[in-house]
Amino acid sequence: MSAQHVTKVSRPGGPAALGPRTSLERLPRVIRALKSFSLDSFMLFSVPFGLVGLLGLLGLLGSLSACSQAPSEPEVETPNGGLAIETPEVSGPQPWTSTDLPSSVGATRFVVMSDRTGGERPGVLAEAVERVNLLRPDFVVSVGDLIEGFNDDRDAHRAEWDELEDIVSRLDMPFFFATGNHDVSNQESLDVWRERHGPTYYHFRVGDLLFLIVDTEDPPPPPDPEMVAAGPRLGELSRTDHAAFRRELAKLFDHDGTQDVAISNAQIEEHERVLRDNPARWTFVILHKPAWQGDPHPNFLRLEAALADRDYTMLAGHIHNYRRTSRNGRDYIRLGATGGSYHHPDDAGTYDHVLLVTLTDEGPTFANLLLEGILDVEGRRQHRFTEKGLEPFFQ
């Protein structure tokens, strides 16, 4: 083995190398230092020496400038955001598999959080925030249902948003809101949303990525009389007999069928305009209800038509049960819960999680991370995430 070289891992704008510089690499720095001397500096010496010295230094500057413009060795390509791995020179077998970094190095990474409410299990979202901070994504996107809502008391809605925003404020990165049916269920809740969060549908860009936030409660549909009548009993069962709660809810609600979606003409026209004006490498459509299930809303079909010529992924929540579907050759992902009740009759896909999305040159990758499995540096498992909520891991 030859002499050890310093391993280099650098980002754009950071140190290009940690090892020693060549003489040619030092030249620009030397030239800048020499140019910083003023003529007054040479007056400190005798006049003859100062003039001769100055002429000599000017000649040296010219020579150094010419050298600094000489062609240098070609730089090693580092397509992964400027990151590279340099290893010692080893003859024979090498104690590593490869030095080729994956295309995701330095790429955009974001987390999607699912429903907190619809039978909130207290404490789960706050735990999720702490664990997402450990993942250090660039930002977090919600698919809605952040408060319980479903009342016409504006002050009650404001109090619920105060509580939610206190939890979200603990994130170390930006958080993007989306409306759920619990967040916006009537005119009063819509008014409070607008006073707190502004528009119910919008878009944003991150580099060459486009995010469309779709409001599936536009306008809020009228409440289902059967669900309203069953509300008190379902609430009691969710606290006392979870298996019975699931059975009763399944009689009233088709988890995997057509969803009660509302998307106004004004909203779809805005999304169509945004798509026309914003070419993107990848588009993510964030909406609360999985509008693709069953018989989709006509304006949802318009949205799909506007997306037809681009790469995109759909991300929704509402059902509190994870399911990935392929439609139009794209991924349509329905997330599980991030604190909402376990109410789907099937245990498969029913868990508390966040979705970590990483962009690579080939497109996005998706990692479903169970909250119970994200531990800090101490590695202590303090809570179980159960249908009742947070429970001590060690009784």
Protein backbone atom coordinates (compact mmCIF):
# COMPACT_ATOMS: atom_id res chain seq x y z
CA MET A 1 0.00 0.00 0.00
CA SER A 2 1.27 3.45 -0.87
CA ALA A 3 1.24 6.46 1.38
CA GLN A 4 -2.20 7.31 2.79
CA HIS A 5 -4.26 10.02 1.08
CA VAL A 6 -6.83 12.13 2.85
CA THR A 7 -10.40 10.98 2.18
CA LYS A 8 -12.39 13.75 0.53
CA VAL A 9 -16.11 14.31 0.99
CA SER A 10 -17.08 17.81 -0.01
CA ARG A 11 -20.19 19.73 -1.02
CA PRO A 12 -20.46 22.51 -3.59
CA GLY A 13 -19.22 25.71 -2.03
CA GLY A 14 -17.40 23.79 0.69
CA PRO A 15 -13.73 22.81 0.83
CA ALA A 16 -12.78 21.16 -2.45
CA ALA A 17 -10.12 19.01 -0.76
CA LEU A 18 -8.70 18.42 2.65
CA GLY A 19 -5.26 17.30 1.41
CA PRO A 20 -2.29 19.52 0.43
CA ARG A 21 -2.61 21.87 -2.57
CA THR A 22 -0.28 21.67 -5.57
CA SER A 23 1.91 24.66 -6.45
CA LEU A 24 -0.35 25.44 -9.39
CA GLU A 25 -3.42 25.41 -7.14
CA ARG A 26 -1.71 27.95 -4.85
CA LEU A 27 -0.94 30.45 -7.63
CA PRO A 28 -4.25 32.37 -7.63
CA ARG A 29 -3.98 32.84 -3.88
CA VAL A 30 -0.34 34.05 -4.20
CA ILE A 31 -1.31 36.46 -6.98
CA ARG A 32 -4.15 37.92 -4.92
CA ALA A 33 -1.82 38.36 -1.95
CA LEU A 34 0.83 40.14 -4.03
CA LYS A 35 -1.72 42.37 -5.70
CA SER A 36 -2.93 43.46 -2.27
CA PHE A 37 0.39 45.22 -1.56
CA SER A 38 0.20 48.95 -2.10
CA LEU A 39 2.93 51.12 -3.59
CA ASP A 40 3.32 52.73 -0.16
CA SER A 41 4.62 49.41 1.14
CA PHE A 42 7.72 49.74 -1.03
CA MET A 43 8.42 53.30 0.12
CA LEU A 44 9.51 51.85 3.42
CA PHE A 45 12.68 50.73 1.65
CA SER A 46 15.24 52.92 -0.02
CA VAL A 47 14.10 54.48 -3.29
CA PRO A 48 16.52 52.55 -5.52
CA PHE A 49 15.63 49.25 -3.88
CA GLY A 50 11.95 50.09 -3.92
CA LEU A 51 11.91 50.83 -7.67
CA VAL A 52 13.99 47.81 -8.60
CA GLY A 53 12.00 45.57 -6.28
CA LEU A 54 8.69 46.87 -7.61
CA LEU A 55 9.73 46.25 -11.25
CA GLY A 56 10.87 42.75 -10.32
CA LEU A 57 7.63 41.97 -8.55
CA LEU A 58 5.56 43.23 -11.47
CA GLY A 59 7.48 40.87 -13.73
CA LEU A 60 6.89 38.04 -11.29
CA LEU A 61 3.17 38.81 -11.24
CA GLY A 62 3.04 38.53 -15.02
CA SER A 63 4.81 35.19 -14.94
CA LEU A 64 2.55 33.84 -12.21
CA SER A 65 -0.56 34.99 -14.07
CA ALA A 66 0.59 33.15 -17.16
CA CYS A 67 1.29 30.01 -15.13
CA SER A 68 -2.08 30.18 -13.41
CA GLN A 69 -3.80 30.16 -16.81
CA ALA A 70 -1.92 27.08 -17.96
CA PRO A 71 -4.15 24.07 -18.59
CA SER A 72 -4.62 21.93 -15.49
CA GLU A 73 -5.42 18.27 -15.15
CA PRO A 74 -9.07 17.48 -15.93
CA GLU A 75 -11.24 17.37 -12.82
CA VAL A 76 -12.89 14.11 -11.81
CA GLU A 77 -16.60 14.29 -12.54
CA THR A 78 -18.72 14.30 -9.40
CA PRO A 79 -22.32 14.21 -10.60
CA ASN A 80 -23.68 13.56 -7.12
CA GLY A 81 -24.01 17.18 -6.06
CA GLY A 82 -20.22 17.65 -6.14
CA LEU A 83 -19.58 14.87 -3.60
CA ALA A 84 -16.79 12.36 -4.18
CA ILE A 85 -15.02 9.57 -2.29
CA GLU A 86 -11.24 9.31 -2.45
CA THR A 87 -9.59 6.22 -1.01
CA PRO A 88 -6.03 5.07 -0.37
CA GLU A 89 -4.31 3.46 -3.33
CA VAL A 90 -4.53 -0.29 -2.79
CA SER A 91 -2.91 -2.95 -4.91
CA GLY A 92 -4.85 -6.18 -4.93
CA PRO A 93 -8.15 -6.78 -3.11
CA GLN A 94 -9.92 -3.70 -1.72
CA PRO A 95 -11.85 -3.55 1.58
CA TRP A 96 -14.84 -1.81 -0.01
CA THR A 97 -17.38 -2.69 -2.68
CA SER A 98 -17.29 0.52 -4.72
CA THR A 99 -16.45 4.21 -4.60
CA ASP A 100 -19.33 5.16 -6.90
CA LEU A 101 -21.79 7.22 -4.89
CA PRO A 102 -25.49 6.68 -5.60
CA SER A 103 -27.30 9.35 -7.56
CA SER A 104 -29.30 10.27 -4.45
CA VAL A 105 -26.29 11.78 -2.66
CA GLY A 106 -26.97 15.47 -2.13
CA ALA A 107 -30.49 15.03 -3.56
CA THR A 108 -33.77 16.47 -2.28
CA ARG A 109 -35.32 14.47 0.56
CA PHE A 110 -38.71 15.17 2.09
CA VAL A 111 -41.10 13.48 4.50
CA VAL A 112 -44.84 13.01 4.10
CA MET A 113 -46.92 12.87 7.28
CA SER A 114 -50.38 11.34 7.26
CA ASP A 115 -53.57 11.82 9.30
CA ARG A 116 -53.23 12.90 12.89
CA THR A 117 -57.00 12.97 13.51
CA GLY A 118 -60.17 11.08 12.71
CA GLY A 119 -59.98 9.50 16.14
CA GLU A 120 -56.70 11.00 17.34
CA ARG A 121 -54.51 8.91 19.59
CA PRO A 122 -52.90 11.63 21.72
CA GLY A 123 -49.16 12.11 21.66
CA VAL A 124 -48.42 10.27 18.42
CA LEU A 125 -47.90 13.31 16.19
CA ALA A 126 -45.65 15.00 18.76
CA GLU A 127 -43.52 11.84 18.84
CA ALA A 128 -43.49 11.80 15.04
CA VAL A 129 -42.14 15.36 14.95
CA GLU A 130 -39.23 14.44 17.21
CA ARG A 131 -38.40 11.42 15.08
CA VAL A 132 -38.67 13.30 11.79
CA ASN A 133 -36.14 15.80 13.14
CA LEU A 134 -33.72 12.88 13.46
CA LEU A 135 -34.14 12.13 9.74
CA ARG A 136 -33.16 15.69 8.70
CA PRO A 137 -35.33 15.93 5.56
CA ASP A 138 -35.37 19.18 3.60
CA PHE A 139 -39.06 19.76 4.37
CA VAL A 140 -42.27 18.01 5.45
CA VAL A 141 -45.59 17.76 3.60
CA SER A 142 -48.92 16.87 5.22
CA VAL A 143 -51.84 15.09 3.55
CA GLY A 144 -54.33 16.74 5.92
CA ASP A 145 -56.57 15.86 8.88
CA LEU A 146 -54.55 17.74 11.45
CA ILE A 147 -57.40 18.71 13.79
CA GLU A 148 -60.63 16.90 14.76
CA GLY A 149 -62.95 19.72 13.69
CA PHE A 150 -66.48 18.81 12.62
CA ASN A 151 -68.17 21.59 14.55
CA ASP A 152 -69.35 25.11 13.73
CA ASP A 153 -67.55 26.86 16.59
CA ARG A 154 -64.81 29.08 15.16
CA ASP A 155 -63.14 29.55 18.53
CA ALA A 156 -63.01 25.79 19.05
CA HIS A 157 -61.31 25.45 15.66
CA ARG A 158 -58.81 28.17 16.55
CA ALA A 159 -57.98 26.40 19.81
CA GLU A 160 -57.36 23.14 17.95
CA TRP A 161 -55.12 24.89 15.43
CA ASP A 162 -53.20 26.53 18.29
CA GLU A 163 -52.45 23.08 19.69
CA LEU A 164 -51.50 21.64 16.29
CA GLU A 165 -49.29 24.56 15.32
CA ASP A 166 -47.44 24.31 18.63
CA ILE A 167 -46.54 20.71 17.76
CA VAL A 168 -45.57 21.50 14.17
CA SER A 169 -43.41 24.43 15.30
CA ARG A 170 -41.01 21.92 16.86
CA LEU A 171 -39.95 20.70 13.41
CA ASP A 172 -36.49 21.84 12.33
CA MET A 173 -37.60 22.25 8.70
CA PRO A 174 -40.51 23.80 6.73
CA PHE A 175 -43.96 22.21 6.95
CA PHE A 176 -46.58 22.42 4.18
CA PHE A 177 -50.28 22.15 5.08
CA ALA A 178 -53.02 20.39 3.11
CA THR A 179 -56.72 20.34 3.89
CA GLY A 180 -58.46 17.22 5.16
CA ASN A 181 -62.15 16.63 5.79
CA HIS A 182 -61.60 17.13 9.53
CA ASP A 183 -59.79 20.43 8.92
CA VAL A 184 -62.42 21.91 6.60
CA SER A 185 -65.92 20.49 7.02
CA ASN A 186 -68.16 23.58 6.82
CA GLN A 187 -68.06 27.32 6.21
CA GLU A 188 -66.93 28.12 9.75
CA SER A 189 -63.94 25.78 9.58
CA LEU A 190 -63.11 27.05 6.08
CA ASP A 191 -63.10 30.63 7.37
CA VAL A 192 -60.70 29.70 10.17
CA TRP A 193 -58.44 27.81 7.74
CA ARG A 194 -58.21 30.86 5.50
CA GLU A 195 -57.47 33.19 8.40
CA ARG A 196 -54.72 30.86 9.65
CA HIS A 197 -53.27 29.30 6.50
CA GLY A 198 -54.58 31.21 3.48
CA PRO A 199 -55.45 29.25 0.31
CA THR A 200 -56.72 25.69 0.52
CA TYR A 201 -54.95 24.69 -2.71
CA TYR A 202 -51.63 25.93 -4.06
CA HIS A 203 -48.32 24.81 -5.52
CA PHE A 204 -44.62 25.22 -4.81
CA ARG A 205 -41.37 24.30 -6.51
CA VAL A 206 -38.12 22.85 -5.17
CA GLY A 207 -35.57 23.12 -7.95
CA ASP A 208 -36.91 21.07 -10.86
CA LEU A 209 -39.61 19.43 -8.71
CA LEU A 210 -43.23 20.65 -8.66
CA PHE A 211 -45.67 20.08 -5.80
CA LEU A 212 -49.43 20.48 -6.31
CA ILE A 213 -51.49 20.69 -3.12
CA VAL A 214 -55.06 19.68 -4.00
CA ASP A 215 -58.10 20.45 -1.84
CA THR A 216 -60.53 17.51 -1.91
CA GLU A 217 -63.06 19.43 0.25
CA ASP A 218 -63.75 22.20 -2.29
CA PRO A 219 -66.48 22.99 -1.35
CA PRO A 220 -66.93 21.03 1.90
CA PRO A 221 -69.53 18.31 1.24
CA PRO A 222 -72.56 18.10 3.55
CA PRO A 223 -72.16 15.66 6.46
CA ASP A 224 -73.41 12.12 6.02
CA PRO A 225 -76.54 11.79 8.22
CA GLU A 226 -75.73 8.17 9.10
CA MET A 227 -72.22 9.05 10.19
CA VAL A 228 -73.50 11.99 12.24
CA ALA A 229 -76.04 9.77 14.00
CA ALA A 230 -73.43 7.08 14.68
CA GLY A 231 -70.82 9.58 15.86
CA PRO A 232 -71.35 9.35 19.66
CA ARG A 233 -71.45 5.54 19.63
CA LEU A 234 -68.38 5.29 17.40
CA GLY A 235 -66.51 7.70 19.67
CA GLU A 236 -67.28 5.58 22.71
CA LEU A 237 -66.29 2.34 20.97
CA SER A 238 -63.01 3.86 19.79
CA ARG A 239 -62.09 4.33 23.45
CA THR A 240 -63.49 1.10 24.91
CA ASP A 241 -63.68 -1.64 22.25
CA HIS A 242 -61.52 -1.02 19.25
CA ALA A 243 -62.44 -4.22 17.44
CA ALA A 244 -66.14 -3.31 17.66
CA PHE A 245 -65.29 0.24 16.54
CA ARG A 246 -63.68 -1.12 13.38
CA ARG A 247 -66.62 -3.42 12.64
CA GLU A 248 -69.21 -0.69 13.10
CA LEU A 249 -67.29 1.83 11.00
CA ALA A 250 -66.85 -0.69 8.18
CA LYS A 251 -70.66 -0.95 7.93
CA LEU A 252 -70.92 2.80 7.33
CA PHE A 253 -67.80 3.60 5.36
CA ASP A 254 -66.34 1.98 2.24
CA HIS A 255 -62.63 2.34 2.92
CA ASP A 256 -61.49 1.11 -0.47
CA GLY A 257 -64.30 2.36 -2.72
CA THR A 258 -65.36 5.72 -4.15
CA GLN A 259 -64.57 8.64 -1.87
CA ASP A 260 -66.72 11.72 -1.28
CA VAL A 261 -64.45 14.14 -3.14
CA ALA A 262 -65.17 17.74 -4.14
CA ILE A 263 -62.83 19.66 -6.48
CA SER A 264 -64.20 22.94 -7.86
CA ASN A 265 -63.87 24.09 -11.47
CA ALA A 266 -61.88 27.10 -10.28
CA GLN A 267 -59.41 24.83 -8.50
CA ILE A 268 -58.87 22.46 -11.42
CA GLU A 269 -58.41 25.38 -13.81
CA GLU A 270 -55.71 26.76 -11.52
CA HIS A 271 -53.92 23.40 -11.38
CA GLU A 272 -54.12 23.11 -15.17
CA ARG A 273 -52.58 26.57 -15.52
CA VAL A 274 -49.80 25.72 -13.05
CA LEU A 275 -48.98 22.55 -14.97
CA ARG A 276 -48.87 24.43 -18.28
CA ASP A 277 -46.54 27.06 -16.84
CA ASN A 278 -44.26 24.78 -14.84
CA PRO A 279 -42.34 22.04 -16.61
CA ALA A 280 -40.71 19.79 -14.02
CA ARG A 281 -38.52 16.72 -13.76
CA TRP A 282 -41.07 15.20 -11.36
CA THR A 283 -44.45 16.33 -10.03
CA PHE A 284 -45.92 15.32 -6.67
CA VAL A 285 -49.67 15.67 -6.20
CA ILE A 286 -50.65 15.92 -2.52
CA LEU A 287 -54.30 15.45 -1.61
CA HIS A 288 -56.21 14.20 1.40
CA LYS A 289 -58.71 11.73 -0.01
CA PRO A 290 -57.53 9.03 -2.43
CA ALA A 291 -59.70 10.42 -5.20
CA TRP A 292 -58.65 7.69 -7.62
CA GLN A 293 -60.56 4.97 -5.77
CA GLY A 294 -63.80 3.69 -7.26
CA ASP A 295 -65.53 6.19 -9.53
CA PRO A 296 -63.31 9.31 -9.53
CA HIS A 297 -64.63 12.88 -9.47
CA PRO A 298 -64.76 14.39 -13.01
CA ASN A 299 -62.32 17.16 -12.07
CA PHE A 300 -59.89 14.59 -10.72
CA LEU A 301 -59.96 12.97 -14.15
CA ARG A 302 -59.21 16.40 -15.64
CA LEU A 303 -56.22 16.66 -13.34
CA GLU A 304 -54.94 13.26 -14.49
CA ALA A 305 -55.34 14.35 -18.12
CA ALA A 306 -53.29 17.49 -17.43
CA LEU A 307 -50.58 15.30 -15.87
CA ALA A 308 -50.54 12.71 -18.63
CA ASP A 309 -47.33 13.85 -20.35
CA ARG A 310 -45.16 14.16 -17.25
CA ASP A 311 -43.68 11.97 -14.53
CA TYR A 312 -45.67 12.25 -11.31
CA THR A 313 -46.66 10.55 -8.05
CA MET A 314 -49.96 10.87 -6.16
CA LEU A 315 -49.87 10.92 -2.33
CA ALA A 316 -53.02 10.82 -0.16
CA GLY A 317 -54.24 9.77 3.28
CA HIS A 318 -57.76 9.66 4.81
CA ILE A 319 -58.14 5.87 5.15
CA HIS A 320 -55.38 5.39 7.79
CA ASN A 321 -54.26 2.29 5.91
CA TYR A 322 -51.31 2.06 3.53
CA ARG A 323 -51.82 0.92 -0.03
CA ARG A 324 -49.81 1.45 -3.19
CA THR A 325 -51.69 1.36 -6.50
CA SER A 326 -50.40 1.63 -10.05
CA ARG A 327 -52.55 3.79 -12.29
CA ASN A 328 -51.62 5.27 -15.66
CA GLY A 329 -48.19 3.72 -15.14
CA ARG A 330 -47.57 5.89 -12.05
CA ASP A 331 -47.51 5.34 -8.29
CA TYR A 332 -50.66 6.31 -6.40
CA ILE A 333 -49.90 5.97 -2.69
CA ARG A 334 -52.41 6.00 0.16
CA LEU A 335 -50.61 6.51 3.45
CA GLY A 336 -51.39 4.90 6.79
CA ALA A 337 -51.71 6.99 9.94
CA THR A 338 -49.56 9.44 11.87
CA GLY A 339 -51.75 9.48 14.96
CA GLY A 340 -55.22 8.89 13.50
CA SER A 341 -57.28 5.90 14.65
CA TYR A 342 -56.67 2.40 13.36
CA HIS A 343 -60.06 1.96 11.76
CA HIS A 344 -59.45 -0.07 8.59
CA PRO A 345 -60.73 -3.65 9.03
CA ASP A 346 -57.46 -5.07 7.65
CA ASP A 347 -54.37 -4.92 9.84
CA ALA A 348 -52.04 -5.00 6.83
CA GLY A 349 -50.97 -1.42 6.16
CA THR A 350 -52.41 -0.19 9.47
CA TYR A 351 -49.61 1.47 11.41
CA ASP A 352 -48.11 4.82 12.41
CA HIS A 353 -45.46 5.90 9.95
CA VAL A 354 -43.98 8.63 7.81
CA LEU A 355 -42.96 8.33 4.18
CA LEU A 356 -39.40 9.39 3.32
CA VAL A 357 -39.04 10.37 -0.34
CA THR A 358 -35.60 10.72 -1.92
CA LEU A 359 -35.03 12.00 -5.44
CA THR A 360 -32.51 10.16 -7.60
CA ASP A 361 -31.53 10.59 -11.24
CA GLU A 362 -33.98 7.81 -12.05
CA GLY A 363 -36.86 9.32 -10.08
CA PRO A 364 -38.11 9.13 -6.48
CA THR A 365 -37.58 6.30 -4.02
CA PHE A 366 -39.98 5.72 -1.13
CA ALA A 367 -39.20 4.40 2.35
CA ASN A 368 -42.02 3.77 4.81
CA LEU A 369 -40.59 4.29 8.28
CA LEU A 370 -42.55 3.01 11.26
CA LEU A 371 -42.40 5.59 14.05
CA GLU A 372 -41.64 2.85 16.54
CA GLY A 373 -38.44 2.02 14.63
CA ILE A 374 -36.93 5.52 14.48
CA LEU A 375 -34.70 5.83 17.55
CA ASP A 376 -32.32 8.55 18.67
CA VAL A 377 -28.65 8.05 19.48
CA GLU A 378 -29.48 6.56 22.88
CA GLY A 379 -31.34 3.73 21.16
CA ARG A 380 -33.94 3.35 23.90
CA ARG A 381 -37.40 2.12 22.91
CA GLN A 382 -39.71 4.13 25.15
CA HIS A 383 -43.13 3.72 23.50
CA ARG A 384 -45.22 1.26 21.59
CA PHE A 385 -47.58 2.70 19.00
CA THR A 386 -50.83 0.76 19.43
CA GLU A 387 -54.47 1.18 18.49
CA LYS A 388 -54.92 2.87 21.87
CA GLY A 389 -52.07 5.31 21.27
CA LEU A 390 -48.70 5.59 22.97
CA GLU A 391 -48.01 2.93 25.58
CA PRO A 392 -44.80 2.43 27.60
CA PHE A 393 -42.52 -0.05 25.89
CA PHE A 394 -41.49 -1.58 29.22
CA GLN A 395 -44.37 -2.02 31.62
